[in-house]
PDB file of N, CA and C in Angstrom:
ATOM      1  N   UNK A   1      26.141  89.802  35.616  1.00  0.00           N
ATOM      2  CA  UNK A   1      25.335  89.052  34.682  1.00  0.00           C
ATOM      3  C   UNK A   1      26.295  88.239  33.796  1.00  0.00           C
ATOM      4  N   UNK A   2      25.920  86.982  33.550  1.00  0.00           N
ATOM      5  CA  UNK A   2      26.753  86.071  32.729  1.00  0.00           C
ATOM      6  C   UNK A   2      26.676  86.479  31.273  1.00  0.00           C
ATOM      7  N   UNK A   3      27.751  86.163  30.573  1.00  0.00           N
ATOM      8  CA  UNK A   3      27.821  86.402  29.119  1.00  0.00           C
ATOM      9  C   UNK A   3      26.892  85.451  28.384  1.00  0.00           C
ATOM     10  N   UNK A   4      25.968  85.872  27.601  1.00  0.00           N
ATOM     11  CA  UNK A   4      25.046  85.001  26.892  1.00  0.00           C
ATOM     12  C   UNK A   4      25.688  84.333  25.668  1.00  0.00           C
ATOM     13  N   UNK A   5      26.932  84.683  25.330  1.00  0.00           N
ATOM     14  CA  UNK A   5      27.556  84.149  24.164  1.00  0.00           C
ATOM     15  C   UNK A   5      27.624  82.631  24.095  1.00  0.00           C
ATOM     16  N   UNK A   6      28.110  81.958  25.150  1.00  0.00           N
ATOM     17  CA  UNK A   6      28.177  80.477  25.060  1.00  0.00           C
ATOM     18  C   UNK A   6      26.811  79.860  24.821  1.00  0.00           C
ATOM     19  N   UNK A   7      25.817  80.388  25.519  1.00  0.00           N
ATOM     20  CA  UNK A   7      24.414  79.892  25.356  1.00  0.00           C
ATOM     21  C   UNK A   7      23.960  80.097  23.911  1.00  0.00           C
ATOM     22  N   UNK A   8      24.226  81.220  23.341  1.00  0.00           N
ATOM     23  CA  UNK A   8      23.816  81.521  21.975  1.00  0.00           C
ATOM     24  C   UNK A   8      24.499  80.546  21.021  1.00  0.00           C
ATOM     25  N   UNK A   9      25.801  80.262  21.257  1.00  0.00           N
ATOM     26  CA  UNK A   9      26.524  79.307  20.413  1.00  0.00           C
ATOM     27  C   UNK A   9      25.974  77.892  20.479  1.00  0.00           C
ATOM     28  N   UNK A  10      25.641  77.513  21.687  1.00  0.00           N
ATOM     29  CA  UNK A  10      25.014  76.207  21.905  1.00  0.00           C
ATOM     30  C   UNK A  10      23.642  76.116  21.215  1.00  0.00           C
ATOM     31  N   UNK A  11      22.872  77.192  21.347  1.00  0.00           N
ATOM     32  CA  UNK A  11      21.578  77.231  20.720  1.00  0.00           C
ATOM     33  C   UNK A  11      21.701  77.182  19.199  1.00  0.00           C
ATOM     34  N   UNK A  12      22.653  77.835  18.588  1.00  0.00           N
ATOM     35  CA  UNK A  12      22.865  77.806  17.211  1.00  0.00           C
ATOM     36  C   UNK A  12      23.248  76.417  16.721  1.00  0.00           C
ATOM     37  N   UNK A  13      24.124  75.775  17.479  1.00  0.00           N
ATOM     38  CA  UNK A  13      24.517  74.433  17.081  1.00  0.00           C
ATOM     39  C   UNK A  13      23.319  73.434  17.221  1.00  0.00           C
ATOM     40  N   UNK A  14      22.535  73.633  18.265  1.00  0.00           N
ATOM     41  CA  UNK A  14      21.334  72.789  18.430  1.00  0.00           C
ATOM     42  C   UNK A  14      20.394  72.997  17.251  1.00  0.00           C
ATOM     43  N   UNK A  15      20.205  74.229  16.838  1.00  0.00           N
ATOM     44  CA  UNK A  15      19.309  74.522  15.696  1.00  0.00           C
ATOM     45  C   UNK A  15      19.860  73.936  14.424  1.00  0.00           C
ATOM     46  N   UNK A  16      21.193  73.955  14.267  1.00  0.00           N
ATOM     47  CA  UNK A  16      21.847  73.377  13.060  1.00  0.00           C
ATOM     48  C   UNK A  16      21.611  71.833  13.089  1.00  0.00           C
ATOM     49  N   UNK A  17      21.703  71.246  14.211  1.00  0.00           N
ATOM     50  CA  UNK A  17      21.519  69.810  14.354  1.00  0.00           C
ATOM     51  C   UNK A  17      20.081  69.448  14.039  1.00  0.00           C
ATOM     52  N   UNK A  18      19.126  70.257  14.491  1.00  0.00           N
ATOM     53  CA  UNK A  18      17.725  69.999  14.182  1.00  0.00           C
ATOM     54  C   UNK A  18      17.483  70.088  12.666  1.00  0.00           C
ATOM     55  N   UNK A  19      18.061  71.142  12.054  1.00  0.00           N
ATOM     56  CA  UNK A  19      17.903  71.292  10.585  1.00  0.00           C
ATOM     57  C   UNK A  19      18.516  70.148   9.831  1.00  0.00           C
ATOM     58  N   UNK A  20      19.658  69.629  10.284  1.00  0.00           N
ATOM     59  CA  UNK A  20      20.329  68.467   9.641  1.00  0.00           C
ATOM     60  C   UNK A  20      19.429  67.214   9.772  1.00  0.00           C
ATOM     61  N   UNK A  21      18.820  67.090  10.943  1.00  0.00           N
ATOM     62  CA  UNK A  21      17.903  65.971  11.097  1.00  0.00           C
ATOM     63  C   UNK A  21      16.709  66.035  10.198  1.00  0.00           C
ATOM     64  N   UNK A  22      16.169  67.223  10.083  1.00  0.00           N
ATOM     65  CA  UNK A  22      15.018  67.423   9.172  1.00  0.00           C
ATOM     66  C   UNK A  22      15.385  67.083   7.762  1.00  0.00           C
ATOM     67  N   UNK A  23      16.584  67.540   7.359  1.00  0.00           N
ATOM     68  CA  UNK A  23      17.057  67.186   6.022  1.00  0.00           C
ATOM     69  C   UNK A  23      17.196  65.668   5.832  1.00  0.00           C
ATOM     70  N   UNK A  24      17.787  65.021   6.830  1.00  0.00           N
ATOM     71  CA  UNK A  24      17.916  63.564   6.745  1.00  0.00           C
ATOM     72  C   UNK A  24      16.559  62.901   6.678  1.00  0.00           C
ATOM     73  N   UNK A  25      15.652  63.349   7.512  1.00  0.00           N
ATOM     74  CA  UNK A  25      14.298  62.791   7.513  1.00  0.00           C
ATOM     75  C   UNK A  25      13.621  62.925   6.179  1.00  0.00           C
ATOM     76  N   UNK A  26      13.865  64.083   5.495  1.00  0.00           N
ATOM     77  CA  UNK A  26      13.212  64.300   4.194  1.00  0.00           C
ATOM     78  C   UNK A  26      13.700  63.335   3.163  1.00  0.00           C
ATOM     79  N   UNK A  27      14.831  62.716   3.372  1.00  0.00           N
ATOM     80  CA  UNK A  27      15.421  61.765   2.374  1.00  0.00           C
ATOM     81  C   UNK A  27      14.777  60.427   2.516  1.00  0.00           C
ATOM     82  N   UNK A  28      14.009  60.162   3.552  1.00  0.00           N
ATOM     83  CA  UNK A  28      13.332  58.881   3.713  1.00  0.00           C
ATOM     84  C   UNK A  28      14.259  57.877   4.372  1.00  0.00           C
ATOM     85  N   UNK A  29      13.876  56.621   4.361  1.00  0.00           N
ATOM     86  CA  UNK A  29      14.563  55.577   5.000  1.00  0.00           C
ATOM     87  C   UNK A  29      15.766  55.049   4.272  1.00  0.00           C
ATOM     88  N   UNK A  30      15.828  55.332   2.958  1.00  0.00           N
ATOM     89  CA  UNK A  30      16.951  54.822   2.176  1.00  0.00           C
ATOM     90  C   UNK A  30      18.106  55.799   2.191  1.00  0.00           C
ATOM     91  N   UNK A  31      19.258  55.288   2.590  1.00  0.00           N
ATOM     92  CA  UNK A  31      20.423  56.110   2.453  1.00  0.00           C
ATOM     93  C   UNK A  31      21.085  55.925   1.089  1.00  0.00           C
ATOM     94  N   UNK A  32      21.307  54.660   0.689  1.00  0.00           N
ATOM     95  CA  UNK A  32      21.765  54.336  -0.644  1.00  0.00           C
ATOM     96  C   UNK A  32      22.972  55.143  -1.148  1.00  0.00           C
ATOM     97  N   UNK A  33      23.957  55.330  -0.250  1.00  0.00           N
ATOM     98  CA  UNK A  33      25.063  56.206  -0.682  1.00  0.00           C
ATOM     99  C   UNK A  33      25.835  55.557  -1.840  1.00  0.00           C
ATOM    100  N   UNK A  34      25.978  54.264  -1.891  1.00  0.00           N
ATOM    101  CA  UNK A  34      26.679  53.652  -3.034  1.00  0.00           C
ATOM    102  C   UNK A  34      25.971  53.926  -4.318  1.00  0.00           C
ATOM    103  N   UNK A  35      24.671  53.826  -4.291  1.00  0.00           N
ATOM    104  CA  UNK A  35      23.827  54.007  -5.471  1.00  0.00           C
ATOM    105  C   UNK A  35      23.865  55.456  -5.912  1.00  0.00           C
ATOM    106  N   UNK A  36      23.869  56.331  -4.918  1.00  0.00           N
ATOM    107  CA  UNK A  36      23.917  57.739  -5.241  1.00  0.00           C
ATOM    108  C   UNK A  36      25.275  58.115  -5.855  1.00  0.00           C
ATOM    109  N   UNK A  37      26.337  57.575  -5.321  1.00  0.00           N
ATOM    110  CA  UNK A  37      27.657  57.834  -5.912  1.00  0.00           C
ATOM    111  C   UNK A  37      27.701  57.370  -7.334  1.00  0.00           C
ATOM    112  N   UNK A  38      27.033  56.240  -7.637  1.00  0.00           N
ATOM    113  CA  UNK A  38      27.010  55.778  -9.008  1.00  0.00           C
ATOM    114  C   UNK A  38      26.259  56.758  -9.862  1.00  0.00           C
ATOM    115  N   UNK A  39      25.110  57.256  -9.396  1.00  0.00           N
ATOM    116  CA  UNK A  39      24.378  58.253 -10.145  1.00  0.00           C
ATOM    117  C   UNK A  39      25.197  59.519 -10.399  1.00  0.00           C
ATOM    118  N   UNK A  40      25.987  59.922  -9.341  1.00  0.00           N
ATOM    119  CA  UNK A  40      26.771  61.111  -9.461  1.00  0.00           C
ATOM    120  C   UNK A  40      27.916  60.942 -10.522  1.00  0.00           C
ATOM    121  N   UNK A  41      28.512  59.794 -10.452  1.00  0.00           N
ATOM    122  CA  UNK A  41      29.605  59.488 -11.436  1.00  0.00           C
ATOM    123  C   UNK A  41      29.032  59.457 -12.838  1.00  0.00           C
ATOM    124  N   UNK A  42      27.859  58.873 -13.017  1.00  0.00           N
ATOM    125  CA  UNK A  42      27.229  58.848 -14.315  1.00  0.00           C
ATOM    126  C   UNK A  42      26.919  60.243 -14.803  1.00  0.00           C
ATOM    127  N   UNK A  43      26.411  61.077 -13.895  1.00  0.00           N
ATOM    128  CA  UNK A  43      26.064  62.443 -14.277  1.00  0.00           C
ATOM    129  C   UNK A  43      27.299  63.260 -14.636  1.00  0.00           C
ATOM    130  N   UNK A  44      28.445  62.970 -14.009  1.00  0.00           N
ATOM    131  CA  UNK A  44      29.716  63.663 -14.359  1.00  0.00           C
ATOM    132  C   UNK A  44      30.299  63.109 -15.602  1.00  0.00           C
ATOM    133  N   UNK A  45      29.883  61.978 -16.039  1.00  0.00           N
ATOM    134  CA  UNK A  45      30.470  61.309 -17.202  1.00  0.00           C
ATOM    135  C   UNK A  45      31.757  60.613 -16.890  1.00  0.00           C
ATOM    136  N   UNK A  46      31.954  60.257 -15.597  1.00  0.00           N
ATOM    137  CA  UNK A  46      33.130  59.577 -15.184  1.00  0.00           C
ATOM    138  C   UNK A  46      32.941  58.097 -15.326  1.00  0.00           C
ATOM    139  N   UNK A  47      33.216  57.612 -16.520  1.00  0.00           N
ATOM    140  CA  UNK A  47      33.001  56.215 -16.871  1.00  0.00           C
ATOM    141  C   UNK A  47      33.813  55.242 -16.028  1.00  0.00           C
ATOM    142  N   UNK A  48      35.062  55.562 -15.744  1.00  0.00           N
ATOM    143  CA  UNK A  48      35.882  54.710 -14.919  1.00  0.00           C
ATOM    144  C   UNK A  48      35.306  54.557 -13.484  1.00  0.00           C
ATOM    145  N   UNK A  49      34.778  55.618 -12.938  1.00  0.00           N
ATOM    146  CA  UNK A  49      34.156  55.542 -11.625  1.00  0.00           C
ATOM    147  C   UNK A  49      32.878  54.730 -11.647  1.00  0.00           C
ATOM    148  N   UNK A  50      32.089  54.899 -12.715  1.00  0.00           N
ATOM    149  CA  UNK A  50      30.857  54.113 -12.885  1.00  0.00           C
ATOM    150  C   UNK A  50      31.184  52.623 -12.907  1.00  0.00           C
ATOM    151  N   UNK A  51      32.165  52.300 -13.695  1.00  0.00           N
ATOM    152  CA  UNK A  51      32.572  50.847 -13.730  1.00  0.00           C
ATOM    153  C   UNK A  51      33.095  50.353 -12.404  1.00  0.00           C
ATOM    154  N   UNK A  52      33.883  51.154 -11.697  1.00  0.00           N
ATOM    155  CA  UNK A  52      34.401  50.782 -10.396  1.00  0.00           C
ATOM    156  C   UNK A  52      33.310  50.570  -9.396  1.00  0.00           C
ATOM    157  N   UNK A  53      32.286  51.449  -9.424  1.00  0.00           N
ATOM    158  CA  UNK A  53      31.170  51.323  -8.496  1.00  0.00           C
ATOM    159  C   UNK A  53      30.153  50.240  -8.887  1.00  0.00           C
ATOM    160  N   UNK A  54      30.013  50.023 -10.175  1.00  0.00           N
ATOM    161  CA  UNK A  54      29.000  49.094 -10.656  1.00  0.00           C
ATOM    162  C   UNK A  54      29.345  47.674 -10.260  1.00  0.00           C
ATOM    163  N   UNK A  55      30.588  47.212 -10.334  1.00  0.00           N
ATOM    164  CA  UNK A  55      30.935  45.856 -10.040  1.00  0.00           C
ATOM    165  C   UNK A  55      30.443  45.345  -8.688  1.00  0.00           C
ATOM    166  N   UNK A  56      30.785  46.043  -7.590  1.00  0.00           N
ATOM    167  CA  UNK A  56      30.291  45.538  -6.274  1.00  0.00           C
ATOM    168  C   UNK A  56      28.733  45.627  -6.153  1.00  0.00           C
ATOM    169  N   UNK A  57      28.166  46.645  -6.737  1.00  0.00           N
ATOM    170  CA  UNK A  57      26.701  46.803  -6.695  1.00  0.00           C
ATOM    171  C   UNK A  57      26.020  45.654  -7.450  1.00  0.00           C
ATOM    172  N   UNK A  58      26.553  45.331  -8.578  1.00  0.00           N
ATOM    173  CA  UNK A  58      26.059  44.235  -9.385  1.00  0.00           C
ATOM    174  C   UNK A  58      26.140  42.932  -8.648  1.00  0.00           C
ATOM    175  N   UNK A  59      27.262  42.725  -7.948  1.00  0.00           N
ATOM    176  CA  UNK A  59      27.421  41.512  -7.133  1.00  0.00           C
ATOM    177  C   UNK A  59      26.396  41.427  -6.042  1.00  0.00           C
ATOM    178  N   UNK A  60      26.130  42.514  -5.392  1.00  0.00           N
ATOM    179  CA  UNK A  60      25.040  42.537  -4.326  1.00  0.00           C
ATOM    180  C   UNK A  60      23.686  42.154  -4.917  1.00  0.00           C
ATOM    181  N   UNK A  61      23.407  42.705  -6.100  1.00  0.00           N
ATOM    182  CA  UNK A  61      22.123  42.400  -6.730  1.00  0.00           C
ATOM    183  C   UNK A  61      22.063  40.902  -7.094  1.00  0.00           C
ATOM    184  N   UNK A  62      23.205  40.359  -7.588  1.00  0.00           N
ATOM    185  CA  UNK A  62      23.153  38.951  -7.971  1.00  0.00           C
ATOM    186  C   UNK A  62      23.009  38.008  -6.768  1.00  0.00           C
ATOM    187  N   UNK A  63      23.549  38.435  -5.619  1.00  0.00           N
ATOM    188  CA  UNK A  63      23.450  37.675  -4.387  1.00  0.00           C
ATOM    189  C   UNK A  63      22.091  37.826  -3.706  1.00  0.00           C
ATOM    190  N   UNK A  64      21.281  38.765  -4.175  1.00  0.00           N
ATOM    191  CA  UNK A  64      20.014  39.028  -3.584  1.00  0.00           C
ATOM    192  C   UNK A  64      20.111  39.859  -2.338  1.00  0.00           C
ATOM    193  N   UNK A  65      21.239  40.570  -2.122  1.00  0.00           N
ATOM    194  CA  UNK A  65      21.474  41.390  -0.974  1.00  0.00           C
ATOM    195  C   UNK A  65      21.189  42.829  -1.167  1.00  0.00           C
ATOM    196  N   UNK A  66      20.715  43.215  -2.365  1.00  0.00           N
ATOM    197  CA  UNK A  66      20.455  44.610  -2.623  1.00  0.00           C
ATOM    198  C   UNK A  66      19.043  44.995  -2.337  1.00  0.00           C
ATOM    199  N   UNK A  67      18.882  46.232  -1.847  1.00  0.00           N
ATOM    200  CA  UNK A  67      17.499  46.764  -1.713  1.00  0.00           C
ATOM    201  C   UNK A  67      16.940  46.972  -3.157  1.00  0.00           C
ATOM    202  N   UNK A  68      15.744  46.487  -3.371  1.00  0.00           N
ATOM    203  CA  UNK A  68      15.169  46.494  -4.745  1.00  0.00           C
ATOM    204  C   UNK A  68      15.080  47.977  -5.292  1.00  0.00           C
ATOM    205  N   UNK A  69      14.679  48.882  -4.496  1.00  0.00           N
ATOM    206  CA  UNK A  69      14.545  50.240  -4.942  1.00  0.00           C
ATOM    207  C   UNK A  69      15.915  50.769  -5.340  1.00  0.00           C
ATOM    208  N   UNK A  70      16.934  50.564  -4.469  1.00  0.00           N
ATOM    209  CA  UNK A  70      18.287  51.017  -4.777  1.00  0.00           C
ATOM    210  C   UNK A  70      18.847  50.409  -6.020  1.00  0.00           C
ATOM    211  N   UNK A  71      18.557  49.103  -6.204  1.00  0.00           N
ATOM    212  CA  UNK A  71      18.982  48.389  -7.412  1.00  0.00           C
ATOM    213  C   UNK A  71      18.362  49.009  -8.638  1.00  0.00           C
ATOM    214  N   UNK A  72      17.080  49.416  -8.542  1.00  0.00           N
ATOM    215  CA  UNK A  72      16.442  50.070  -9.683  1.00  0.00           C
ATOM    216  C   UNK A  72      17.152  51.402 -10.002  1.00  0.00           C
ATOM    217  N   UNK A  73      17.473  52.144  -8.951  1.00  0.00           N
ATOM    218  CA  UNK A  73      18.155  53.443  -9.178  1.00  0.00           C
ATOM    219  C   UNK A  73      19.524  53.186  -9.829  1.00  0.00           C
ATOM    220  N   UNK A  74      20.199  52.190  -9.420  1.00  0.00           N
ATOM    221  CA  UNK A  74      21.496  51.886  -9.991  1.00  0.00           C
ATOM    222  C   UNK A  74      21.342  51.529 -11.475  1.00  0.00           C
ATOM    223  N   UNK A  75      20.440  50.668 -11.824  1.00  0.00           N
ATOM    224  CA  UNK A  75      20.167  50.301 -13.220  1.00  0.00           C
ATOM    225  C   UNK A  75      19.790  51.531 -14.064  1.00  0.00           C
ATOM    226  N   UNK A  76      18.992  52.369 -13.471  1.00  0.00           N
ATOM    227  CA  UNK A  76      18.566  53.574 -14.154  1.00  0.00           C
ATOM    228  C   UNK A  76      19.750  54.526 -14.441  1.00  0.00           C
ATOM    229  N   UNK A  77      20.670  54.558 -13.449  1.00  0.00           N
ATOM    230  CA  UNK A  77      21.870  55.450 -13.580  1.00  0.00           C
ATOM    231  C   UNK A  77      22.723  54.961 -14.689  1.00  0.00           C
ATOM    232  N   UNK A  78      22.795  53.688 -15.013  1.00  0.00           N
ATOM    233  CA  UNK A  78      23.659  53.212 -16.084  1.00  0.00           C
ATOM    234  C   UNK A  78      22.903  52.964 -17.347  1.00  0.00           C
ATOM    235  N   UNK A  79      21.622  53.400 -17.380  1.00  0.00           N
ATOM    236  CA  UNK A  79      20.878  53.337 -18.642  1.00  0.00           C
ATOM    237  C   UNK A  79      20.151  52.032 -18.908  1.00  0.00           C
ATOM    238  N   UNK A  80      20.028  51.185 -17.908  1.00  0.00           N
ATOM    239  CA  UNK A  80      19.337  49.886 -18.062  1.00  0.00           C
ATOM    240  C   UNK A  80      17.890  50.089 -17.605  1.00  0.00           C
ATOM    241  N   UNK A  81      17.131  50.747 -18.414  1.00  0.00           N
ATOM    242  CA  UNK A  81      15.763  51.182 -18.040  1.00  0.00           C
ATOM    243  C   UNK A  81      14.834  49.988 -17.791  1.00  0.00           C
ATOM    244  N   UNK A  82      14.890  48.924 -18.654  1.00  0.00           N
ATOM    245  CA  UNK A  82      13.993  47.787 -18.482  1.00  0.00           C
ATOM    246  C   UNK A  82      14.304  47.086 -17.159  1.00  0.00           C
ATOM    247  N   UNK A  83      15.549  46.922 -16.820  1.00  0.00           N
ATOM    248  CA  UNK A  83      15.913  46.322 -15.578  1.00  0.00           C
ATOM    249  C   UNK A  83      15.511  47.193 -14.404  1.00  0.00           C
ATOM    250  N   UNK A  84      15.603  48.491 -14.542  1.00  0.00           N
ATOM    251  CA  UNK A  84      15.208  49.432 -13.505  1.00  0.00           C
ATOM    252  C   UNK A  84      13.699  49.230 -13.192  1.00  0.00           C
ATOM    253  N   UNK A  85      12.908  49.125 -14.262  1.00  0.00           N
ATOM    254  CA  UNK A  85      11.457  48.962 -14.062  1.00  0.00           C
ATOM    255  C   UNK A  85      11.175  47.608 -13.404  1.00  0.00           C
ATOM    256  N   UNK A  86      11.887  46.544 -13.778  1.00  0.00           N
ATOM    257  CA  UNK A  86      11.686  45.266 -13.113  1.00  0.00           C
ATOM    258  C   UNK A  86      12.024  45.343 -11.639  1.00  0.00           C
ATOM    259  N   UNK A  87      13.127  46.011 -11.268  1.00  0.00           N
ATOM    260  CA  UNK A  87      13.453  46.162  -9.892  1.00  0.00           C
ATOM    261  C   UNK A  87      12.500  47.007  -9.135  1.00  0.00           C
ATOM    262  N   UNK A  88      11.869  48.032  -9.794  1.00  0.00           N
ATOM    263  CA  UNK A  88      10.906  48.861  -9.127  1.00  0.00           C
ATOM    264  C   UNK A  88       9.620  48.005  -8.860  1.00  0.00           C
ATOM    265  N   UNK A  89       9.252  47.157  -9.799  1.00  0.00           N
ATOM    266  CA  UNK A  89       8.123  46.284  -9.571  1.00  0.00           C
ATOM    267  C   UNK A  89       8.368  45.372  -8.407  1.00  0.00           C
ATOM    268  N   UNK A  90       9.583  44.845  -8.297  1.00  0.00           N
ATOM    269  CA  UNK A  90       9.932  43.981  -7.190  1.00  0.00           C
ATOM    270  C   UNK A  90       9.869  44.740  -5.851  1.00  0.00           C
ATOM    271  N   UNK A  91      10.385  46.013  -5.871  1.00  0.00           N
ATOM    272  CA  UNK A  91      10.325  46.815  -4.647  1.00  0.00           C
ATOM    273  C   UNK A  91       8.920  47.104  -4.218  1.00  0.00           C
ATOM    274  N   UNK A  92       8.026  47.343  -5.134  1.00  0.00           N
ATOM    275  CA  UNK A  92       6.651  47.587  -4.831  1.00  0.00           C
ATOM    276  C   UNK A  92       6.004  46.287  -4.272  1.00  0.00           C
ATOM    277  N   UNK A  93       6.310  45.158  -4.947  1.00  0.00           N
ATOM    278  CA  UNK A  93       5.726  43.897  -4.474  1.00  0.00           C
ATOM    279  C   UNK A  93       6.214  43.505  -3.084  1.00  0.00           C
ATOM    280  N   UNK A  94       7.460  43.780  -2.837  1.00  0.00           N
ATOM    281  CA  UNK A  94       8.070  43.472  -1.470  1.00  0.00           C
ATOM    282  C   UNK A  94       7.603  44.451  -0.363  1.00  0.00           C
ATOM    283  N   UNK A  95       7.042  45.560  -0.791  1.00  0.00           N
ATOM    284  CA  UNK A  95       6.668  46.562   0.154  1.00  0.00           C
ATOM    285  C   UNK A  95       7.788  47.538   0.557  1.00  0.00           C
ATOM    286  N   UNK A  96       8.926  47.455  -0.151  1.00  0.00           N
ATOM    287  CA  UNK A  96      10.031  48.384   0.197  1.00  0.00           C
ATOM    288  C   UNK A  96       9.862  49.707  -0.533  1.00  0.00           C
ATOM    289  N   UNK A  97       8.890  49.801  -1.429  1.00  0.00           N
ATOM    290  CA  UNK A  97       8.547  51.061  -2.106  1.00  0.00           C
ATOM    291  C   UNK A  97       7.034  51.166  -2.188  1.00  0.00           C
ATOM    292  N   UNK A  98       6.531  52.342  -1.913  1.00  0.00           N
ATOM    293  CA  UNK A  98       5.107  52.616  -1.992  1.00  0.00           C
ATOM    294  C   UNK A  98       4.769  53.250  -3.339  1.00  0.00           C
ATOM    295  N   UNK A  99       3.523  53.315  -3.641  1.00  0.00           N
ATOM    296  CA  UNK A  99       3.101  54.010  -4.833  1.00  0.00           C
ATOM    297  C   UNK A  99       3.557  55.433  -4.843  1.00  0.00           C
ATOM    298  N   UNK A 100       3.480  56.051  -3.648  1.00  0.00           N
ATOM    299  CA  UNK A 100       4.017  57.425  -3.529  1.00  0.00           C
ATOM    300  C   UNK A 100       5.481  57.530  -3.873  1.00  0.00           C
ATOM    301  N   UNK A 101       6.272  56.553  -3.403  1.00  0.00           N
ATOM    302  CA  UNK A 101       7.732  56.556  -3.711  1.00  0.00           C
ATOM    303  C   UNK A 101       7.884  56.498  -5.228  1.00  0.00           C
ATOM    304  N   UNK A 102       7.130  55.644  -5.888  1.00  0.00           N
ATOM    305  CA  UNK A 102       7.280  55.457  -7.331  1.00  0.00           C
ATOM    306  C   UNK A 102       6.909  56.742  -8.067  1.00  0.00           C
ATOM    307  N   UNK A 103       5.920  57.424  -7.569  1.00  0.00           N
ATOM    308  CA  UNK A 103       5.417  58.632  -8.229  1.00  0.00           C
ATOM    309  C   UNK A 103       6.244  59.899  -7.865  1.00  0.00           C
ATOM    310  N   UNK A 104       6.916  59.895  -6.684  1.00  0.00           N
ATOM    311  CA  UNK A 104       7.471  61.119  -6.245  1.00  0.00           C
ATOM    312  C   UNK A 104       9.007  61.080  -6.089  1.00  0.00           C
ATOM    313  N   UNK A 105       9.610  59.945  -5.985  1.00  0.00           N
ATOM    314  CA  UNK A 105      11.081  59.867  -5.713  1.00  0.00           C
ATOM    315  C   UNK A 105      11.843  60.593  -6.820  1.00  0.00           C
ATOM    316  N   UNK A 106      12.664  61.599  -6.428  1.00  0.00           N
ATOM    317  CA  UNK A 106      13.462  62.304  -7.447  1.00  0.00           C
ATOM    318  C   UNK A 106      14.449  61.432  -8.227  1.00  0.00           C
ATOM    319  N   UNK A 107      14.813  60.309  -7.575  1.00  0.00           N
ATOM    320  CA  UNK A 107      15.763  59.438  -8.279  1.00  0.00           C
ATOM    321  C   UNK A 107      15.181  58.855  -9.556  1.00  0.00           C
ATOM    322  N   UNK A 108      13.844  58.910  -9.669  1.00  0.00           N
ATOM    323  CA  UNK A 108      13.147  58.254 -10.796  1.00  0.00           C
ATOM    324  C   UNK A 108      12.706  59.285 -11.817  1.00  0.00           C
ATOM    325  N   UNK A 109      13.071  60.575 -11.642  1.00  0.00           N
ATOM    326  CA  UNK A 109      12.621  61.581 -12.552  1.00  0.00           C
ATOM    327  C   UNK A 109      12.898  61.273 -14.013  1.00  0.00           C
ATOM    328  N   UNK A 110      14.097  60.800 -14.313  1.00  0.00           N
ATOM    329  CA  UNK A 110      14.434  60.541 -15.743  1.00  0.00           C
ATOM    330  C   UNK A 110      13.590  59.411 -16.330  1.00  0.00           C
ATOM    331  N   UNK A 111      13.132  58.499 -15.512  1.00  0.00           N
ATOM    332  CA  UNK A 111      12.278  57.442 -15.971  1.00  0.00           C
ATOM    333  C   UNK A 111      10.877  57.966 -16.235  1.00  0.00           C
ATOM    334  N   UNK A 112      10.383  58.811 -15.348  1.00  0.00           N
ATOM    335  CA  UNK A 112       9.039  59.350 -15.507  1.00  0.00           C
ATOM    336  C   UNK A 112       8.921  60.293 -16.701  1.00  0.00           C
ATOM    337  N   UNK A 113       9.942  61.078 -16.984  1.00  0.00           N
ATOM    338  CA  UNK A 113       9.849  62.082 -18.031  1.00  0.00           C
ATOM    339  C   UNK A 113       9.978  61.488 -19.403  1.00  0.00           C
ATOM    340  N   UNK A 114      10.432  60.262 -19.536  1.00  0.00           N
ATOM    341  CA  UNK A 114      10.650  59.738 -20.844  1.00  0.00           C
ATOM    342  C   UNK A 114       9.827  58.506 -21.157  1.00  0.00           C
ATOM    343  N   UNK A 115       9.006  58.058 -20.185  1.00  0.00           N
ATOM    344  CA  UNK A 115       8.263  56.822 -20.415  1.00  0.00           C
ATOM    345  C   UNK A 115       6.809  57.162 -20.731  1.00  0.00           C
ATOM    346  N   UNK A 116       6.291  56.591 -21.818  1.00  0.00           N
ATOM    347  CA  UNK A 116       4.891  56.814 -22.213  1.00  0.00           C
ATOM    348  C   UNK A 116       3.993  55.969 -21.362  1.00  0.00           C
ATOM    349  N   UNK A 117       4.490  54.887 -20.759  1.00  0.00           N
ATOM    350  CA  UNK A 117       3.668  53.993 -19.978  1.00  0.00           C
ATOM    351  C   UNK A 117       3.660  54.290 -18.491  1.00  0.00           C
ATOM    352  N   UNK A 118       4.398  55.295 -18.031  1.00  0.00           N
ATOM    353  CA  UNK A 118       4.461  55.632 -16.635  1.00  0.00           C
ATOM    354  C   UNK A 118       3.125  56.193 -16.179  1.00  0.00           C
ATOM    355  N   UNK A 119       2.637  55.824 -14.968  1.00  0.00           N
ATOM    356  CA  UNK A 119       1.312  56.368 -14.554  1.00  0.00           C
ATOM    357  C   UNK A 119       1.323  57.834 -14.299  1.00  0.00           C
TER     358      UNK A 119
END
């Protein structure tokens, strides 16, 4: 009888791959790693890293090459709440964000918890 060890290892790797895919799927269509790194730097209080990341992101926004939702997250990360709301309105108008995104996206938690006008 053959050793089931290699099959078990393959099965475990396959299960790990499925779980990784489920995790990726739960994040939605936006990867936004640059925007997320900006949020992480802001949360750590790493002002130099925030400035380093902000410059190219800002250039993308000025050129019209930024995803509106991700631009909103970036503005929110650096404390530009009014601009974040403007970019969210644009994302909704363009169809790149749904009402569910606006109500449920964890990236917007800080906006929802402090705004009196949020739905």
